[in-house]
């Protein structure tokens, strides 16, 4: 497990997403709740764990492309993304013929 910086804050939400052959983004409704909580919760960081199959990912808004564009993450790799804009811009796609899944924990 990567060393989480102390400033990442407290975990407040988790989700598991399927990453297929179409670009996948993190769920805004999970990290940007509406209503009263919307003013209190804005993620500062996320920890993403890649399950079973590899992915390609970016966090600058560019669409990743299997086998060519984006960072490669094999199954079992943990990705730490810091900063609200990087979280909002995170995109992933599977890197192979089988869907992958990722576990995402949000920190405030």
C-alpha atoms as a PDB file:
ATOM      1  CA  UNK A   1       0.000   0.000   0.000  1.00  0.00           C
ATOM      2  CA  UNK A   2       1.347   3.453  -0.815  1.00  0.00           C
ATOM      3  CA  UNK A   3       2.176   5.776   2.021  1.00  0.00           C
ATOM      4  CA  UNK A   4      -0.725   8.212   2.251  1.00  0.00           C
ATOM      5  CA  UNK A   5       0.354  11.743   3.033  1.00  0.00           C
ATOM      6  CA  UNK A   6      -0.992  13.010   6.337  1.00  0.00           C
ATOM      7  CA  UNK A   7      -2.680  15.941   4.620  1.00  0.00           C
ATOM      8  CA  UNK A   8      -4.995  13.677   2.619  1.00  0.00           C
ATOM      9  CA  UNK A   9      -7.617  13.969   5.379  1.00  0.00           C
ATOM     10  CA  UNK A  10     -10.369  11.602   6.450  1.00  0.00           C
ATOM     11  CA  UNK A  11     -11.984   9.082   4.128  1.00  0.00           C
ATOM     12  CA  UNK A  12     -15.634   9.954   3.445  1.00  0.00           C
ATOM     13  CA  UNK A  13     -16.765   7.824   0.487  1.00  0.00           C
ATOM     14  CA  UNK A  14     -15.902   4.698  -1.484  1.00  0.00           C
ATOM     15  CA  UNK A  15     -17.028   3.216  -4.785  1.00  0.00           C
ATOM     16  CA  UNK A  16     -16.134   0.345  -7.078  1.00  0.00           C
ATOM     17  CA  UNK A  17     -16.238   1.054 -10.808  1.00  0.00           C
ATOM     18  CA  UNK A  18     -16.046  -1.184 -13.872  1.00  0.00           C
ATOM     19  CA  UNK A  19     -13.506   0.045 -16.406  1.00  0.00           C
ATOM     20  CA  UNK A  20     -14.390  -1.130 -19.900  1.00  0.00           C
ATOM     21  CA  UNK A  21     -13.482  -0.208 -23.487  1.00  0.00           C
ATOM     22  CA  UNK A  22     -15.119   3.236 -23.148  1.00  0.00           C
ATOM     23  CA  UNK A  23     -13.484   5.980 -21.099  1.00  0.00           C
ATOM     24  CA  UNK A  24     -14.634   5.900 -17.466  1.00  0.00           C
ATOM     25  CA  UNK A  25     -14.619   8.858 -15.048  1.00  0.00           C
ATOM     26  CA  UNK A  26     -15.111   8.945 -11.292  1.00  0.00           C
ATOM     27  CA  UNK A  27     -18.717   9.407 -10.146  1.00  0.00           C
ATOM     28  CA  UNK A  28     -19.382  13.097  -9.481  1.00  0.00           C
ATOM     29  CA  UNK A  29     -22.440  12.284  -7.348  1.00  0.00           C
ATOM     30  CA  UNK A  30     -20.137  10.337  -5.014  1.00  0.00           C
ATOM     31  CA  UNK A  31     -17.425  12.968  -4.618  1.00  0.00           C
ATOM     32  CA  UNK A  32     -19.669  16.053  -4.985  1.00  0.00           C
ATOM     33  CA  UNK A  33     -22.838  15.337  -3.000  1.00  0.00           C
ATOM     34  CA  UNK A  34     -25.708  17.783  -3.372  1.00  0.00           C
ATOM     35  CA  UNK A  35     -27.641  19.480  -0.613  1.00  0.00           C
ATOM     36  CA  UNK A  36     -26.213  20.567   2.728  1.00  0.00           C
ATOM     37  CA  UNK A  37     -23.182  18.301   2.462  1.00  0.00           C
ATOM     38  CA  UNK A  38     -22.114  19.873  -0.834  1.00  0.00           C
ATOM     39  CA  UNK A  39     -20.524  22.797   1.015  1.00  0.00           C
ATOM     40  CA  UNK A  40     -18.762  20.544   3.510  1.00  0.00           C
ATOM     41  CA  UNK A  41     -17.407  17.784   1.286  1.00  0.00           C
ATOM     42  CA  UNK A  42     -14.963  18.303  -1.543  1.00  0.00           C
ATOM     43  CA  UNK A  43     -12.328  15.627  -2.095  1.00  0.00           C
ATOM     44  CA  UNK A  44      -8.707  16.539  -1.573  1.00  0.00           C
ATOM     45  CA  UNK A  45      -7.349  13.150  -2.598  1.00  0.00           C
ATOM     46  CA  UNK A  46      -8.330   9.666  -3.776  1.00  0.00           C
ATOM     47  CA  UNK A  47      -6.759   6.253  -3.465  1.00  0.00           C
ATOM     48  CA  UNK A  48      -7.538   4.008  -6.447  1.00  0.00           C
ATOM     49  CA  UNK A  49      -6.777   0.284  -6.443  1.00  0.00           C
ATOM     50  CA  UNK A  50      -6.749  -1.598  -9.758  1.00  0.00           C
ATOM     51  CA  UNK A  51      -8.422  -5.015  -9.498  1.00  0.00           C
ATOM     52  CA  UNK A  52      -7.833  -8.074 -11.721  1.00  0.00           C
ATOM     53  CA  UNK A  53      -7.049  -6.414 -15.097  1.00  0.00           C
ATOM     54  CA  UNK A  54      -4.761  -3.527 -16.157  1.00  0.00           C
ATOM     55  CA  UNK A  55      -5.927  -0.027 -17.048  1.00  0.00           C
ATOM     56  CA  UNK A  56      -4.593   3.138 -18.685  1.00  0.00           C
ATOM     57  CA  UNK A  57      -5.397   6.425 -16.944  1.00  0.00           C
ATOM     58  CA  UNK A  58      -4.908  10.173 -17.107  1.00  0.00           C
ATOM     59  CA  UNK A  59      -5.788  12.974 -14.726  1.00  0.00           C
ATOM     60  CA  UNK A  60      -5.259  16.014 -16.923  1.00  0.00           C
ATOM     61  CA  UNK A  61      -8.486  15.625 -18.896  1.00  0.00           C
ATOM     62  CA  UNK A  62      -6.939  13.760 -21.845  1.00  0.00           C
ATOM     63  CA  UNK A  63      -8.763  10.590 -22.891  1.00  0.00           C
ATOM     64  CA  UNK A  64      -6.608   7.510 -22.319  1.00  0.00           C
ATOM     65  CA  UNK A  65      -6.350   4.991 -25.159  1.00  0.00           C
ATOM     66  CA  UNK A  66      -5.716   1.290 -24.522  1.00  0.00           C
ATOM     67  CA  UNK A  67      -2.118   0.267 -25.266  1.00  0.00           C
ATOM     68  CA  UNK A  68      -1.010   3.777 -26.307  1.00  0.00           C
ATOM     69  CA  UNK A  69      -2.045   6.809 -24.229  1.00  0.00           C
ATOM     70  CA  UNK A  70      -1.980   7.420 -20.511  1.00  0.00           C
ATOM     71  CA  UNK A  71      -0.247   5.868 -17.545  1.00  0.00           C
ATOM     72  CA  UNK A  72      -0.304   2.063 -17.366  1.00  0.00           C
ATOM     73  CA  UNK A  73      -1.429   0.416 -14.130  1.00  0.00           C
ATOM     74  CA  UNK A  74      -1.332  -3.343 -13.729  1.00  0.00           C
ATOM     75  CA  UNK A  75      -3.719  -5.277 -11.500  1.00  0.00           C
ATOM     76  CA  UNK A  76      -2.823  -4.689  -7.863  1.00  0.00           C
ATOM     77  CA  UNK A  77      -1.374  -1.223  -8.413  1.00  0.00           C
ATOM     78  CA  UNK A  78      -2.551   1.587  -6.151  1.00  0.00           C
ATOM     79  CA  UNK A  79      -2.801   5.111  -7.534  1.00  0.00           C
ATOM     80  CA  UNK A  80      -2.872   8.170  -5.260  1.00  0.00           C
ATOM     81  CA  UNK A  81      -4.339  11.291  -6.844  1.00  0.00           C
ATOM     82  CA  UNK A  82      -4.080  14.582  -4.972  1.00  0.00           C
ATOM     83  CA  UNK A  83      -6.013  17.754  -5.746  1.00  0.00           C
ATOM     84  CA  UNK A  84      -9.652  18.344  -6.595  1.00  0.00           C
ATOM     85  CA  UNK A  85      -9.042  19.210 -10.270  1.00  0.00           C
ATOM     86  CA  UNK A  86      -6.955  16.051 -10.817  1.00  0.00           C
ATOM     87  CA  UNK A  87      -9.747  13.975  -9.250  1.00  0.00           C
ATOM     88  CA  UNK A  88     -12.366  15.633 -11.430  1.00  0.00           C
ATOM     89  CA  UNK A  89     -10.243  15.051 -14.559  1.00  0.00           C
ATOM     90  CA  UNK A  90      -9.361  11.393 -13.808  1.00  0.00           C
ATOM     91  CA  UNK A  91     -10.198   9.097 -16.743  1.00  0.00           C
ATOM     92  CA  UNK A  92      -9.505   5.395 -17.225  1.00  0.00           C
ATOM     93  CA  UNK A  93      -9.908   2.699 -19.866  1.00  0.00           C
ATOM     94  CA  UNK A  94      -9.144  -1.015 -19.752  1.00  0.00           C
ATOM     95  CA  UNK A  95      -5.831  -2.084 -21.272  1.00  0.00           C
ATOM     96  CA  UNK A  96      -6.708  -5.476 -22.695  1.00  0.00           C
ATOM     97  CA  UNK A  97      -9.668  -7.553 -23.799  1.00  0.00           C
ATOM     98  CA  UNK A  98     -11.283  -7.968 -20.381  1.00  0.00           C
ATOM     99  CA  UNK A  99     -13.010  -5.352 -18.222  1.00  0.00           C
ATOM    100  CA  UNK A 100     -11.153  -4.154 -15.161  1.00  0.00           C
ATOM    101  CA  UNK A 101     -12.517  -2.752 -11.936  1.00  0.00           C
ATOM    102  CA  UNK A 102     -11.161  -0.132  -9.596  1.00  0.00           C
ATOM    103  CA  UNK A 103     -11.826   0.600  -5.946  1.00  0.00           C
ATOM    104  CA  UNK A 104     -11.858   4.307  -5.121  1.00  0.00           C
ATOM    105  CA  UNK A 105     -11.665   5.877  -1.653  1.00  0.00           C
ATOM    106  CA  UNK A 106     -12.258   9.630  -1.372  1.00  0.00           C
ATOM    107  CA  UNK A 107     -10.563  11.804   1.271  1.00  0.00           C
ATOM    108  CA  UNK A 108     -11.674  15.260   2.470  1.00  0.00           C
END
